[in-house]
Amino acid sequence: LPQVASVTGPEQSADLIADGGRIAL
């Protein structure tokens, strides 16, 4: 998207995963 500068997800940081992988940020 042109409005977005950067994206950080579970692939970049394991801290963004919870509940055994059923929740991600």
PDBML (XML) file of the C-alpha atoms, coordinates in Angstrom:
<?xml version="1.0" encoding="UTF-8" ?>
<PDBx:datablock datablockName="MODEL"
   xmlns:PDBx="http://pdbml.pdb.org/schema/pdbx-v50.xsd"
   xmlns:xsi="http://www.w3.org/2001/XMLSchema-instance"
   xsi:schemaLocation="http://pdbml.pdb.org/schema/pdbx-v50.xsd pdbx-v50.xsd">
   <PDBx:atom_siteCategory>
      <PDBx:atom_site id="1">
         <PDBx:B_iso_or_equiv>0.00</PDBx:B_iso_or_equiv>
         <PDBx:Cartn_x>0.000</PDBx:Cartn_x>
         <PDBx:Cartn_y>0.000</PDBx:Cartn_y>
         <PDBx:Cartn_z>0.000</PDBx:Cartn_z>
         <PDBx:auth_asym_id>A</PDBx:auth_asym_id>
         <PDBx:auth_atom_id>CA</PDBx:auth_atom_id>
         <PDBx:auth_comp_id>LEU</PDBx:auth_comp_id>
         <PDBx:auth_seq_id>1</PDBx:auth_seq_id>
         <PDBx:group_PDB>ATOM</PDBx:group_PDB>
         <PDBx:label_alt_id xsi:nil="true" />
         <PDBx:label_asym_id>A</PDBx:label_asym_id>
         <PDBx:label_atom_id>CA</PDBx:label_atom_id>
         <PDBx:label_comp_id>LEU</PDBx:label_comp_id>
         <PDBx:label_entity_id>1</PDBx:label_entity_id>
         <PDBx:label_seq_id>1</PDBx:label_seq_id>
         <PDBx:occupancy>1.00</PDBx:occupancy>
         <PDBx:pdbx_PDB_model_num>1</PDBx:pdbx_PDB_model_num>
         <PDBx:type_symbol>C</PDBx:type_symbol>
      </PDBx:atom_site>
      <PDBx:atom_site id="2">
         <PDBx:B_iso_or_equiv>0.00</PDBx:B_iso_or_equiv>
         <PDBx:Cartn_x>1.312</PDBx:Cartn_x>
         <PDBx:Cartn_y>3.528</PDBx:Cartn_y>
         <PDBx:Cartn_z>-0.775</PDBx:Cartn_z>
         <PDBx:auth_asym_id>A</PDBx:auth_asym_id>
         <PDBx:auth_atom_id>CA</PDBx:auth_atom_id>
         <PDBx:auth_comp_id>PRO</PDBx:auth_comp_id>
         <PDBx:auth_seq_id>2</PDBx:auth_seq_id>
         <PDBx:group_PDB>ATOM</PDBx:group_PDB>
         <PDBx:label_alt_id xsi:nil="true" />
         <PDBx:label_asym_id>A</PDBx:label_asym_id>
         <PDBx:label_atom_id>CA</PDBx:label_atom_id>
         <PDBx:label_comp_id>PRO</PDBx:label_comp_id>
         <PDBx:label_entity_id>1</PDBx:label_entity_id>
         <PDBx:label_seq_id>2</PDBx:label_seq_id>
         <PDBx:occupancy>1.00</PDBx:occupancy>
         <PDBx:pdbx_PDB_model_num>1</PDBx:pdbx_PDB_model_num>
         <PDBx:type_symbol>C</PDBx:type_symbol>
      </PDBx:atom_site>
      <PDBx:atom_site id="3">
         <PDBx:B_iso_or_equiv>0.00</PDBx:B_iso_or_equiv>
         <PDBx:Cartn_x>0.228</PDBx:Cartn_x>
         <PDBx:Cartn_y>4.727</PDBx:Cartn_y>
         <PDBx:Cartn_z>2.687</PDBx:Cartn_z>
         <PDBx:auth_asym_id>A</PDBx:auth_asym_id>
         <PDBx:auth_atom_id>CA</PDBx:auth_atom_id>
         <PDBx:auth_comp_id>GLN</PDBx:auth_comp_id>
         <PDBx:auth_seq_id>3</PDBx:auth_seq_id>
         <PDBx:group_PDB>ATOM</PDBx:group_PDB>
         <PDBx:label_alt_id xsi:nil="true" />
         <PDBx:label_asym_id>A</PDBx:label_asym_id>
         <PDBx:label_atom_id>CA</PDBx:label_atom_id>
         <PDBx:label_comp_id>GLN</PDBx:label_comp_id>
         <PDBx:label_entity_id>1</PDBx:label_entity_id>
         <PDBx:label_seq_id>3</PDBx:label_seq_id>
         <PDBx:occupancy>1.00</PDBx:occupancy>
         <PDBx:pdbx_PDB_model_num>1</PDBx:pdbx_PDB_model_num>
         <PDBx:type_symbol>C</PDBx:type_symbol>
      </PDBx:atom_site>
      <PDBx:atom_site id="4">
         <PDBx:B_iso_or_equiv>0.00</PDBx:B_iso_or_equiv>
         <PDBx:Cartn_x>2.481</PDBx:Cartn_x>
         <PDBx:Cartn_y>2.188</PDBx:Cartn_y>
         <PDBx:Cartn_z>4.443</PDBx:Cartn_z>
         <PDBx:auth_asym_id>A</PDBx:auth_asym_id>
         <PDBx:auth_atom_id>CA</PDBx:auth_atom_id>
         <PDBx:auth_comp_id>VAL</PDBx:auth_comp_id>
         <PDBx:auth_seq_id>4</PDBx:auth_seq_id>
         <PDBx:group_PDB>ATOM</PDBx:group_PDB>
         <PDBx:label_alt_id xsi:nil="true" />
         <PDBx:label_asym_id>A</PDBx:label_asym_id>
         <PDBx:label_atom_id>CA</PDBx:label_atom_id>
         <PDBx:label_comp_id>VAL</PDBx:label_comp_id>
         <PDBx:label_entity_id>1</PDBx:label_entity_id>
         <PDBx:label_seq_id>4</PDBx:label_seq_id>
         <PDBx:occupancy>1.00</PDBx:occupancy>
         <PDBx:pdbx_PDB_model_num>1</PDBx:pdbx_PDB_model_num>
         <PDBx:type_symbol>C</PDBx:type_symbol>
      </PDBx:atom_site>
      <PDBx:atom_site id="5">
         <PDBx:B_iso_or_equiv>0.00</PDBx:B_iso_or_equiv>
         <PDBx:Cartn_x>6.172</PDBx:Cartn_x>
         <PDBx:Cartn_y>2.791</PDBx:Cartn_y>
         <PDBx:Cartn_z>5.205</PDBx:Cartn_z>
         <PDBx:auth_asym_id>A</PDBx:auth_asym_id>
         <PDBx:auth_atom_id>CA</PDBx:auth_atom_id>
         <PDBx:auth_comp_id>ALA</PDBx:auth_comp_id>
         <PDBx:auth_seq_id>5</PDBx:auth_seq_id>
         <PDBx:group_PDB>ATOM</PDBx:group_PDB>
         <PDBx:label_alt_id xsi:nil="true" />
         <PDBx:label_asym_id>A</PDBx:label_asym_id>
         <PDBx:label_atom_id>CA</PDBx:label_atom_id>
         <PDBx:label_comp_id>ALA</PDBx:label_comp_id>
         <PDBx:label_entity_id>1</PDBx:label_entity_id>
         <PDBx:label_seq_id>5</PDBx:label_seq_id>
         <PDBx:occupancy>1.00</PDBx:occupancy>
         <PDBx:pdbx_PDB_model_num>1</PDBx:pdbx_PDB_model_num>
         <PDBx:type_symbol>C</PDBx:type_symbol>
      </PDBx:atom_site>
      <PDBx:atom_site id="6">
         <PDBx:B_iso_or_equiv>0.00</PDBx:B_iso_or_equiv>
         <PDBx:Cartn_x>7.041</PDBx:Cartn_x>
         <PDBx:Cartn_y>-0.550</PDBx:Cartn_y>
         <PDBx:Cartn_z>6.824</PDBx:Cartn_z>
         <PDBx:auth_asym_id>A</PDBx:auth_asym_id>
         <PDBx:auth_atom_id>CA</PDBx:auth_atom_id>
         <PDBx:auth_comp_id>SER</PDBx:auth_comp_id>
         <PDBx:auth_seq_id>6</PDBx:auth_seq_id>
         <PDBx:group_PDB>ATOM</PDBx:group_PDB>
         <PDBx:label_alt_id xsi:nil="true" />
         <PDBx:label_asym_id>A</PDBx:label_asym_id>
         <PDBx:label_atom_id>CA</PDBx:label_atom_id>
         <PDBx:label_comp_id>SER</PDBx:label_comp_id>
         <PDBx:label_entity_id>1</PDBx:label_entity_id>
         <PDBx:label_seq_id>6</PDBx:label_seq_id>
         <PDBx:occupancy>1.00</PDBx:occupancy>
         <PDBx:pdbx_PDB_model_num>1</PDBx:pdbx_PDB_model_num>
         <PDBx:type_symbol>C</PDBx:type_symbol>
      </PDBx:atom_site>
      <PDBx:atom_site id="7">
         <PDBx:B_iso_or_equiv>0.00</PDBx:B_iso_or_equiv>
         <PDBx:Cartn_x>5.479</PDBx:Cartn_x>
         <PDBx:Cartn_y>-3.755</PDBx:Cartn_y>
         <PDBx:Cartn_z>8.163</PDBx:Cartn_z>
         <PDBx:auth_asym_id>A</PDBx:auth_asym_id>
         <PDBx:auth_atom_id>CA</PDBx:auth_atom_id>
         <PDBx:auth_comp_id>VAL</PDBx:auth_comp_id>
         <PDBx:auth_seq_id>7</PDBx:auth_seq_id>
         <PDBx:group_PDB>ATOM</PDBx:group_PDB>
         <PDBx:label_alt_id xsi:nil="true" />
         <PDBx:label_asym_id>A</PDBx:label_asym_id>
         <PDBx:label_atom_id>CA</PDBx:label_atom_id>
         <PDBx:label_comp_id>VAL</PDBx:label_comp_id>
         <PDBx:label_entity_id>1</PDBx:label_entity_id>
         <PDBx:label_seq_id>7</PDBx:label_seq_id>
         <PDBx:occupancy>1.00</PDBx:occupancy>
         <PDBx:pdbx_PDB_model_num>1</PDBx:pdbx_PDB_model_num>
         <PDBx:type_symbol>C</PDBx:type_symbol>
      </PDBx:atom_site>
      <PDBx:atom_site id="8">
         <PDBx:B_iso_or_equiv>0.00</PDBx:B_iso_or_equiv>
         <PDBx:Cartn_x>6.659</PDBx:Cartn_x>
         <PDBx:Cartn_y>-5.960</PDBx:Cartn_y>
         <PDBx:Cartn_z>11.029</PDBx:Cartn_z>
         <PDBx:auth_asym_id>A</PDBx:auth_asym_id>
         <PDBx:auth_atom_id>CA</PDBx:auth_atom_id>
         <PDBx:auth_comp_id>THR</PDBx:auth_comp_id>
         <PDBx:auth_seq_id>8</PDBx:auth_seq_id>
         <PDBx:group_PDB>ATOM</PDBx:group_PDB>
         <PDBx:label_alt_id xsi:nil="true" />
         <PDBx:label_asym_id>A</PDBx:label_asym_id>
         <PDBx:label_atom_id>CA</PDBx:label_atom_id>
         <PDBx:label_comp_id>THR</PDBx:label_comp_id>
         <PDBx:label_entity_id>1</PDBx:label_entity_id>
         <PDBx:label_seq_id>8</PDBx:label_seq_id>
         <PDBx:occupancy>1.00</PDBx:occupancy>
         <PDBx:pdbx_PDB_model_num>1</PDBx:pdbx_PDB_model_num>
         <PDBx:type_symbol>C</PDBx:type_symbol>
      </PDBx:atom_site>
      <PDBx:atom_site id="9">
         <PDBx:B_iso_or_equiv>0.00</PDBx:B_iso_or_equiv>
         <PDBx:Cartn_x>5.007</PDBx:Cartn_x>
         <PDBx:Cartn_y>-9.336</PDBx:Cartn_y>
         <PDBx:Cartn_z>11.518</PDBx:Cartn_z>
         <PDBx:auth_asym_id>A</PDBx:auth_asym_id>
         <PDBx:auth_atom_id>CA</PDBx:auth_atom_id>
         <PDBx:auth_comp_id>GLY</PDBx:auth_comp_id>
         <PDBx:auth_seq_id>9</PDBx:auth_seq_id>
         <PDBx:group_PDB>ATOM</PDBx:group_PDB>
         <PDBx:label_alt_id xsi:nil="true" />
         <PDBx:label_asym_id>A</PDBx:label_asym_id>
         <PDBx:label_atom_id>CA</PDBx:label_atom_id>
         <PDBx:label_comp_id>GLY</PDBx:label_comp_id>
         <PDBx:label_entity_id>1</PDBx:label_entity_id>
         <PDBx:label_seq_id>9</PDBx:label_seq_id>
         <PDBx:occupancy>1.00</PDBx:occupancy>
         <PDBx:pdbx_PDB_model_num>1</PDBx:pdbx_PDB_model_num>
         <PDBx:type_symbol>C</PDBx:type_symbol>
      </PDBx:atom_site>
      <PDBx:atom_site id="10">
         <PDBx:B_iso_or_equiv>0.00</PDBx:B_iso_or_equiv>
         <PDBx:Cartn_x>5.560</PDBx:Cartn_x>
         <PDBx:Cartn_y>-12.704</PDBx:Cartn_y>
         <PDBx:Cartn_z>13.192</PDBx:Cartn_z>
         <PDBx:auth_asym_id>A</PDBx:auth_asym_id>
         <PDBx:auth_atom_id>CA</PDBx:auth_atom_id>
         <PDBx:auth_comp_id>PRO</PDBx:auth_comp_id>
         <PDBx:auth_seq_id>10</PDBx:auth_seq_id>
         <PDBx:group_PDB>ATOM</PDBx:group_PDB>
         <PDBx:label_alt_id xsi:nil="true" />
         <PDBx:label_asym_id>A</PDBx:label_asym_id>
         <PDBx:label_atom_id>CA</PDBx:label_atom_id>
         <PDBx:label_comp_id>PRO</PDBx:label_comp_id>
         <PDBx:label_entity_id>1</PDBx:label_entity_id>
         <PDBx:label_seq_id>10</PDBx:label_seq_id>
         <PDBx:occupancy>1.00</PDBx:occupancy>
         <PDBx:pdbx_PDB_model_num>1</PDBx:pdbx_PDB_model_num>
         <PDBx:type_symbol>C</PDBx:type_symbol>
      </PDBx:atom_site>
      <PDBx:atom_site id="11">
         <PDBx:B_iso_or_equiv>0.00</PDBx:B_iso_or_equiv>
         <PDBx:Cartn_x>8.130</PDBx:Cartn_x>
         <PDBx:Cartn_y>-13.626</PDBx:Cartn_y>
         <PDBx:Cartn_z>10.548</PDBx:Cartn_z>
         <PDBx:auth_asym_id>A</PDBx:auth_asym_id>
         <PDBx:auth_atom_id>CA</PDBx:auth_atom_id>
         <PDBx:auth_comp_id>GLU</PDBx:auth_comp_id>
         <PDBx:auth_seq_id>11</PDBx:auth_seq_id>
         <PDBx:group_PDB>ATOM</PDBx:group_PDB>
         <PDBx:label_alt_id xsi:nil="true" />
         <PDBx:label_asym_id>A</PDBx:label_asym_id>
         <PDBx:label_atom_id>CA</PDBx:label_atom_id>
         <PDBx:label_comp_id>GLU</PDBx:label_comp_id>
         <PDBx:label_entity_id>1</PDBx:label_entity_id>
         <PDBx:label_seq_id>11</PDBx:label_seq_id>
         <PDBx:occupancy>1.00</PDBx:occupancy>
         <PDBx:pdbx_PDB_model_num>1</PDBx:pdbx_PDB_model_num>
         <PDBx:type_symbol>C</PDBx:type_symbol>
      </PDBx:atom_site>
      <PDBx:atom_site id="12">
         <PDBx:B_iso_or_equiv>0.00</PDBx:B_iso_or_equiv>
         <PDBx:Cartn_x>10.349</PDBx:Cartn_x>
         <PDBx:Cartn_y>-10.741</PDBx:Cartn_y>
         <PDBx:Cartn_z>11.697</PDBx:Cartn_z>
         <PDBx:auth_asym_id>A</PDBx:auth_asym_id>
         <PDBx:auth_atom_id>CA</PDBx:auth_atom_id>
         <PDBx:auth_comp_id>GLN</PDBx:auth_comp_id>
         <PDBx:auth_seq_id>12</PDBx:auth_seq_id>
         <PDBx:group_PDB>ATOM</PDBx:group_PDB>
         <PDBx:label_alt_id xsi:nil="true" />
         <PDBx:label_asym_id>A</PDBx:label_asym_id>
         <PDBx:label_atom_id>CA</PDBx:label_atom_id>
         <PDBx:label_comp_id>GLN</PDBx:label_comp_id>
         <PDBx:label_entity_id>1</PDBx:label_entity_id>
         <PDBx:label_seq_id>12</PDBx:label_seq_id>
         <PDBx:occupancy>1.00</PDBx:occupancy>
         <PDBx:pdbx_PDB_model_num>1</PDBx:pdbx_PDB_model_num>
         <PDBx:type_symbol>C</PDBx:type_symbol>
      </PDBx:atom_site>
      <PDBx:atom_site id="13">
         <PDBx:B_iso_or_equiv>0.00</PDBx:B_iso_or_equiv>
         <PDBx:Cartn_x>9.776</PDBx:Cartn_x>
         <PDBx:Cartn_y>-11.036</PDBx:Cartn_y>
         <PDBx:Cartn_z>15.454</PDBx:Cartn_z>
         <PDBx:auth_asym_id>A</PDBx:auth_asym_id>
         <PDBx:auth_atom_id>CA</PDBx:auth_atom_id>
         <PDBx:auth_comp_id>SER</PDBx:auth_comp_id>
         <PDBx:auth_seq_id>13</PDBx:auth_seq_id>
         <PDBx:group_PDB>ATOM</PDBx:group_PDB>
         <PDBx:label_alt_id xsi:nil="true" />
         <PDBx:label_asym_id>A</PDBx:label_asym_id>
         <PDBx:label_atom_id>CA</PDBx:label_atom_id>
         <PDBx:label_comp_id>SER</PDBx:label_comp_id>
         <PDBx:label_entity_id>1</PDBx:label_entity_id>
         <PDBx:label_seq_id>13</PDBx:label_seq_id>
         <PDBx:occupancy>1.00</PDBx:occupancy>
         <PDBx:pdbx_PDB_model_num>1</PDBx:pdbx_PDB_model_num>
         <PDBx:type_symbol>C</PDBx:type_symbol>
      </PDBx:atom_site>
      <PDBx:atom_site id="14">
         <PDBx:B_iso_or_equiv>0.00</PDBx:B_iso_or_equiv>
         <PDBx:Cartn_x>8.772</PDBx:Cartn_x>
         <PDBx:Cartn_y>-14.040</PDBx:Cartn_y>
         <PDBx:Cartn_z>17.537</PDBx:Cartn_z>
         <PDBx:auth_asym_id>A</PDBx:auth_asym_id>
         <PDBx:auth_atom_id>CA</PDBx:auth_atom_id>
         <PDBx:auth_comp_id>ALA</PDBx:auth_comp_id>
         <PDBx:auth_seq_id>14</PDBx:auth_seq_id>
         <PDBx:group_PDB>ATOM</PDBx:group_PDB>
         <PDBx:label_alt_id xsi:nil="true" />
         <PDBx:label_asym_id>A</PDBx:label_asym_id>
         <PDBx:label_atom_id>CA</PDBx:label_atom_id>
         <PDBx:label_comp_id>ALA</PDBx:label_comp_id>
         <PDBx:label_entity_id>1</PDBx:label_entity_id>
         <PDBx:label_seq_id>14</PDBx:label_seq_id>
         <PDBx:occupancy>1.00</PDBx:occupancy>
         <PDBx:pdbx_PDB_model_num>1</PDBx:pdbx_PDB_model_num>
         <PDBx:type_symbol>C</PDBx:type_symbol>
      </PDBx:atom_site>
      <PDBx:atom_site id="15">
         <PDBx:B_iso_or_equiv>0.00</PDBx:B_iso_or_equiv>
         <PDBx:Cartn_x>7.497</PDBx:Cartn_x>
         <PDBx:Cartn_y>-11.638</PDBx:Cartn_y>
         <PDBx:Cartn_z>20.218</PDBx:Cartn_z>
         <PDBx:auth_asym_id>A</PDBx:auth_asym_id>
         <PDBx:auth_atom_id>CA</PDBx:auth_atom_id>
         <PDBx:auth_comp_id>ASP</PDBx:auth_comp_id>
         <PDBx:auth_seq_id>15</PDBx:auth_seq_id>
         <PDBx:group_PDB>ATOM</PDBx:group_PDB>
         <PDBx:label_alt_id xsi:nil="true" />
         <PDBx:label_asym_id>A</PDBx:label_asym_id>
         <PDBx:label_atom_id>CA</PDBx:label_atom_id>
         <PDBx:label_comp_id>ASP</PDBx:label_comp_id>
         <PDBx:label_entity_id>1</PDBx:label_entity_id>
         <PDBx:label_seq_id>15</PDBx:label_seq_id>
         <PDBx:occupancy>1.00</PDBx:occupancy>
         <PDBx:pdbx_PDB_model_num>1</PDBx:pdbx_PDB_model_num>
         <PDBx:type_symbol>C</PDBx:type_symbol>
      </PDBx:atom_site>
      <PDBx:atom_site id="16">
         <PDBx:B_iso_or_equiv>0.00</PDBx:B_iso_or_equiv>
         <PDBx:Cartn_x>4.499</PDBx:Cartn_x>
         <PDBx:Cartn_y>-10.973</PDBx:Cartn_y>
         <PDBx:Cartn_z>17.960</PDBx:Cartn_z>
         <PDBx:auth_asym_id>A</PDBx:auth_asym_id>
         <PDBx:auth_atom_id>CA</PDBx:auth_atom_id>
         <PDBx:auth_comp_id>LEU</PDBx:auth_comp_id>
         <PDBx:auth_seq_id>16</PDBx:auth_seq_id>
         <PDBx:group_PDB>ATOM</PDBx:group_PDB>
         <PDBx:label_alt_id xsi:nil="true" />
         <PDBx:label_asym_id>A</PDBx:label_asym_id>
         <PDBx:label_atom_id>CA</PDBx:label_atom_id>
         <PDBx:label_comp_id>LEU</PDBx:label_comp_id>
         <PDBx:label_entity_id>1</PDBx:label_entity_id>
         <PDBx:label_seq_id>16</PDBx:label_seq_id>
         <PDBx:occupancy>1.00</PDBx:occupancy>
         <PDBx:pdbx_PDB_model_num>1</PDBx:pdbx_PDB_model_num>
         <PDBx:type_symbol>C</PDBx:type_symbol>
      </PDBx:atom_site>
      <PDBx:atom_site id="17">
         <PDBx:B_iso_or_equiv>0.00</PDBx:B_iso_or_equiv>
         <PDBx:Cartn_x>3.118</PDBx:Cartn_x>
         <PDBx:Cartn_y>-14.513</PDBx:Cartn_y>
         <PDBx:Cartn_z>18.423</PDBx:Cartn_z>
         <PDBx:auth_asym_id>A</PDBx:auth_asym_id>
         <PDBx:auth_atom_id>CA</PDBx:auth_atom_id>
         <PDBx:auth_comp_id>ILE</PDBx:auth_comp_id>
         <PDBx:auth_seq_id>17</PDBx:auth_seq_id>
         <PDBx:group_PDB>ATOM</PDBx:group_PDB>
         <PDBx:label_alt_id xsi:nil="true" />
         <PDBx:label_asym_id>A</PDBx:label_asym_id>
         <PDBx:label_atom_id>CA</PDBx:label_atom_id>
         <PDBx:label_comp_id>ILE</PDBx:label_comp_id>
         <PDBx:label_entity_id>1</PDBx:label_entity_id>
         <PDBx:label_seq_id>17</PDBx:label_seq_id>
         <PDBx:occupancy>1.00</PDBx:occupancy>
         <PDBx:pdbx_PDB_model_num>1</PDBx:pdbx_PDB_model_num>
         <PDBx:type_symbol>C</PDBx:type_symbol>
      </PDBx:atom_site>
      <PDBx:atom_site id="18">
         <PDBx:B_iso_or_equiv>0.00</PDBx:B_iso_or_equiv>
         <PDBx:Cartn_x>0.972</PDBx:Cartn_x>
         <PDBx:Cartn_y>-15.630</PDBx:Cartn_y>
         <PDBx:Cartn_z>21.363</PDBx:Cartn_z>
         <PDBx:auth_asym_id>A</PDBx:auth_asym_id>
         <PDBx:auth_atom_id>CA</PDBx:auth_atom_id>
         <PDBx:auth_comp_id>ALA</PDBx:auth_comp_id>
         <PDBx:auth_seq_id>18</PDBx:auth_seq_id>
         <PDBx:group_PDB>ATOM</PDBx:group_PDB>
         <PDBx:label_alt_id xsi:nil="true" />
         <PDBx:label_asym_id>A</PDBx:label_asym_id>
         <PDBx:label_atom_id>CA</PDBx:label_atom_id>
         <PDBx:label_comp_id>ALA</PDBx:label_comp_id>
         <PDBx:label_entity_id>1</PDBx:label_entity_id>
         <PDBx:label_seq_id>18</PDBx:label_seq_id>
         <PDBx:occupancy>1.00</PDBx:occupancy>
         <PDBx:pdbx_PDB_model_num>1</PDBx:pdbx_PDB_model_num>
         <PDBx:type_symbol>C</PDBx:type_symbol>
      </PDBx:atom_site>
      <PDBx:atom_site id="19">
         <PDBx:B_iso_or_equiv>0.00</PDBx:B_iso_or_equiv>
         <PDBx:Cartn_x>-1.322</PDBx:Cartn_x>
         <PDBx:Cartn_y>-18.432</PDBx:Cartn_y>
         <PDBx:Cartn_z>22.514</PDBx:Cartn_z>
         <PDBx:auth_asym_id>A</PDBx:auth_asym_id>
         <PDBx:auth_atom_id>CA</PDBx:auth_atom_id>
         <PDBx:auth_comp_id>ASP</PDBx:auth_comp_id>
         <PDBx:auth_seq_id>19</PDBx:auth_seq_id>
         <PDBx:group_PDB>ATOM</PDBx:group_PDB>
         <PDBx:label_alt_id xsi:nil="true" />
         <PDBx:label_asym_id>A</PDBx:label_asym_id>
         <PDBx:label_atom_id>CA</PDBx:label_atom_id>
         <PDBx:label_comp_id>ASP</PDBx:label_comp_id>
         <PDBx:label_entity_id>1</PDBx:label_entity_id>
         <PDBx:label_seq_id>19</PDBx:label_seq_id>
         <PDBx:occupancy>1.00</PDBx:occupancy>
         <PDBx:pdbx_PDB_model_num>1</PDBx:pdbx_PDB_model_num>
         <PDBx:type_symbol>C</PDBx:type_symbol>
      </PDBx:atom_site>
      <PDBx:atom_site id="20">
         <PDBx:B_iso_or_equiv>0.00</PDBx:B_iso_or_equiv>
         <PDBx:Cartn_x>0.751</PDBx:Cartn_x>
         <PDBx:Cartn_y>-21.155</PDBx:Cartn_y>
         <PDBx:Cartn_z>20.878</PDBx:Cartn_z>
         <PDBx:auth_asym_id>A</PDBx:auth_asym_id>
         <PDBx:auth_atom_id>CA</PDBx:auth_atom_id>
         <PDBx:auth_comp_id>GLY</PDBx:auth_comp_id>
         <PDBx:auth_seq_id>20</PDBx:auth_seq_id>
         <PDBx:group_PDB>ATOM</PDBx:group_PDB>
         <PDBx:label_alt_id xsi:nil="true" />
         <PDBx:label_asym_id>A</PDBx:label_asym_id>
         <PDBx:label_atom_id>CA</PDBx:label_atom_id>
         <PDBx:label_comp_id>GLY</PDBx:label_comp_id>
         <PDBx:label_entity_id>1</PDBx:label_entity_id>
         <PDBx:label_seq_id>20</PDBx:label_seq_id>
         <PDBx:occupancy>1.00</PDBx:occupancy>
         <PDBx:pdbx_PDB_model_num>1</PDBx:pdbx_PDB_model_num>
         <PDBx:type_symbol>C</PDBx:type_symbol>
      </PDBx:atom_site>
      <PDBx:atom_site id="21">
         <PDBx:B_iso_or_equiv>0.00</PDBx:B_iso_or_equiv>
         <PDBx:Cartn_x>0.678</PDBx:Cartn_x>
         <PDBx:Cartn_y>-19.460</PDBx:Cartn_y>
         <PDBx:Cartn_z>17.480</PDBx:Cartn_z>
         <PDBx:auth_asym_id>A</PDBx:auth_asym_id>
         <PDBx:auth_atom_id>CA</PDBx:auth_atom_id>
         <PDBx:auth_comp_id>GLY</PDBx:auth_comp_id>
         <PDBx:auth_seq_id>21</PDBx:auth_seq_id>
         <PDBx:group_PDB>ATOM</PDBx:group_PDB>
         <PDBx:label_alt_id xsi:nil="true" />
         <PDBx:label_asym_id>A</PDBx:label_asym_id>
         <PDBx:label_atom_id>CA</PDBx:label_atom_id>
         <PDBx:label_comp_id>GLY</PDBx:label_comp_id>
         <PDBx:label_entity_id>1</PDBx:label_entity_id>
         <PDBx:label_seq_id>21</PDBx:label_seq_id>
         <PDBx:occupancy>1.00</PDBx:occupancy>
         <PDBx:pdbx_PDB_model_num>1</PDBx:pdbx_PDB_model_num>
         <PDBx:type_symbol>C</PDBx:type_symbol>
      </PDBx:atom_site>
      <PDBx:atom_site id="22">
         <PDBx:B_iso_or_equiv>0.00</PDBx:B_iso_or_equiv>
         <PDBx:Cartn_x>-3.086</PDBx:Cartn_x>
         <PDBx:Cartn_y>-18.971</PDBx:Cartn_y>
         <PDBx:Cartn_z>17.329</PDBx:Cartn_z>
         <PDBx:auth_asym_id>A</PDBx:auth_asym_id>
         <PDBx:auth_atom_id>CA</PDBx:auth_atom_id>
         <PDBx:auth_comp_id>ARG</PDBx:auth_comp_id>
         <PDBx:auth_seq_id>22</PDBx:auth_seq_id>
         <PDBx:group_PDB>ATOM</PDBx:group_PDB>
         <PDBx:label_alt_id xsi:nil="true" />
         <PDBx:label_asym_id>A</PDBx:label_asym_id>
         <PDBx:label_atom_id>CA</PDBx:label_atom_id>
         <PDBx:label_comp_id>ARG</PDBx:label_comp_id>
         <PDBx:label_entity_id>1</PDBx:label_entity_id>
         <PDBx:label_seq_id>22</PDBx:label_seq_id>
         <PDBx:occupancy>1.00</PDBx:occupancy>
         <PDBx:pdbx_PDB_model_num>1</PDBx:pdbx_PDB_model_num>
         <PDBx:type_symbol>C</PDBx:type_symbol>
      </PDBx:atom_site>
      <PDBx:atom_site id="23">
         <PDBx:B_iso_or_equiv>0.00</PDBx:B_iso_or_equiv>
         <PDBx:Cartn_x>-2.732</PDBx:Cartn_x>
         <PDBx:Cartn_y>-15.193</PDBx:Cartn_y>
         <PDBx:Cartn_z>17.833</PDBx:Cartn_z>
         <PDBx:auth_asym_id>A</PDBx:auth_asym_id>
         <PDBx:auth_atom_id>CA</PDBx:auth_atom_id>
         <PDBx:auth_comp_id>ILE</PDBx:auth_comp_id>
         <PDBx:auth_seq_id>23</PDBx:auth_seq_id>
         <PDBx:group_PDB>ATOM</PDBx:group_PDB>
         <PDBx:label_alt_id xsi:nil="true" />
         <PDBx:label_asym_id>A</PDBx:label_asym_id>
         <PDBx:label_atom_id>CA</PDBx:label_atom_id>
         <PDBx:label_comp_id>ILE</PDBx:label_comp_id>
         <PDBx:label_entity_id>1</PDBx:label_entity_id>
         <PDBx:label_seq_id>23</PDBx:label_seq_id>
         <PDBx:occupancy>1.00</PDBx:occupancy>
         <PDBx:pdbx_PDB_model_num>1</PDBx:pdbx_PDB_model_num>
         <PDBx:type_symbol>C</PDBx:type_symbol>
      </PDBx:atom_site>
      <PDBx:atom_site id="24">
         <PDBx:B_iso_or_equiv>0.00</PDBx:B_iso_or_equiv>
         <PDBx:Cartn_x>-0.383</PDBx:Cartn_x>
         <PDBx:Cartn_y>-12.965</PDBx:Cartn_y>
         <PDBx:Cartn_z>15.883</PDBx:Cartn_z>
         <PDBx:auth_asym_id>A</PDBx:auth_asym_id>
         <PDBx:auth_atom_id>CA</PDBx:auth_atom_id>
         <PDBx:auth_comp_id>ALA</PDBx:auth_comp_id>
         <PDBx:auth_seq_id>24</PDBx:auth_seq_id>
         <PDBx:group_PDB>ATOM</PDBx:group_PDB>
         <PDBx:label_alt_id xsi:nil="true" />
         <PDBx:label_asym_id>A</PDBx:label_asym_id>
         <PDBx:label_atom_id>CA</PDBx:label_atom_id>
         <PDBx:label_comp_id>ALA</PDBx:label_comp_id>
         <PDBx:label_entity_id>1</PDBx:label_entity_id>
         <PDBx:label_seq_id>24</PDBx:label_seq_id>
         <PDBx:occupancy>1.00</PDBx:occupancy>
         <PDBx:pdbx_PDB_model_num>1</PDBx:pdbx_PDB_model_num>
         <PDBx:type_symbol>C</PDBx:type_symbol>
      </PDBx:atom_site>
      <PDBx:atom_site id="25">
         <PDBx:B_iso_or_equiv>0.00</PDBx:B_iso_or_equiv>
         <PDBx:Cartn_x>0.262</PDBx:Cartn_x>
         <PDBx:Cartn_y>-9.246</PDBx:Cartn_y>
         <PDBx:Cartn_z>15.755</PDBx:Cartn_z>
         <PDBx:auth_asym_id>A</PDBx:auth_asym_id>
         <PDBx:auth_atom_id>CA</PDBx:auth_atom_id>
         <PDBx:auth_comp_id>LEU</PDBx:auth_comp_id>
         <PDBx:auth_seq_id>25</PDBx:auth_seq_id>
         <PDBx:group_PDB>ATOM</PDBx:group_PDB>
         <PDBx:label_alt_id xsi:nil="true" />
         <PDBx:label_asym_id>A</PDBx:label_asym_id>
         <PDBx:label_atom_id>CA</PDBx:label_atom_id>
         <PDBx:label_comp_id>LEU</PDBx:label_comp_id>
         <PDBx:label_entity_id>1</PDBx:label_entity_id>
         <PDBx:label_seq_id>25</PDBx:label_seq_id>
         <PDBx:occupancy>1.00</PDBx:occupancy>
         <PDBx:pdbx_PDB_model_num>1</PDBx:pdbx_PDB_model_num>
         <PDBx:type_symbol>C</PDBx:type_symbol>
      </PDBx:atom_site>
   </PDBx:atom_siteCategory>
</PDBx:datablock>
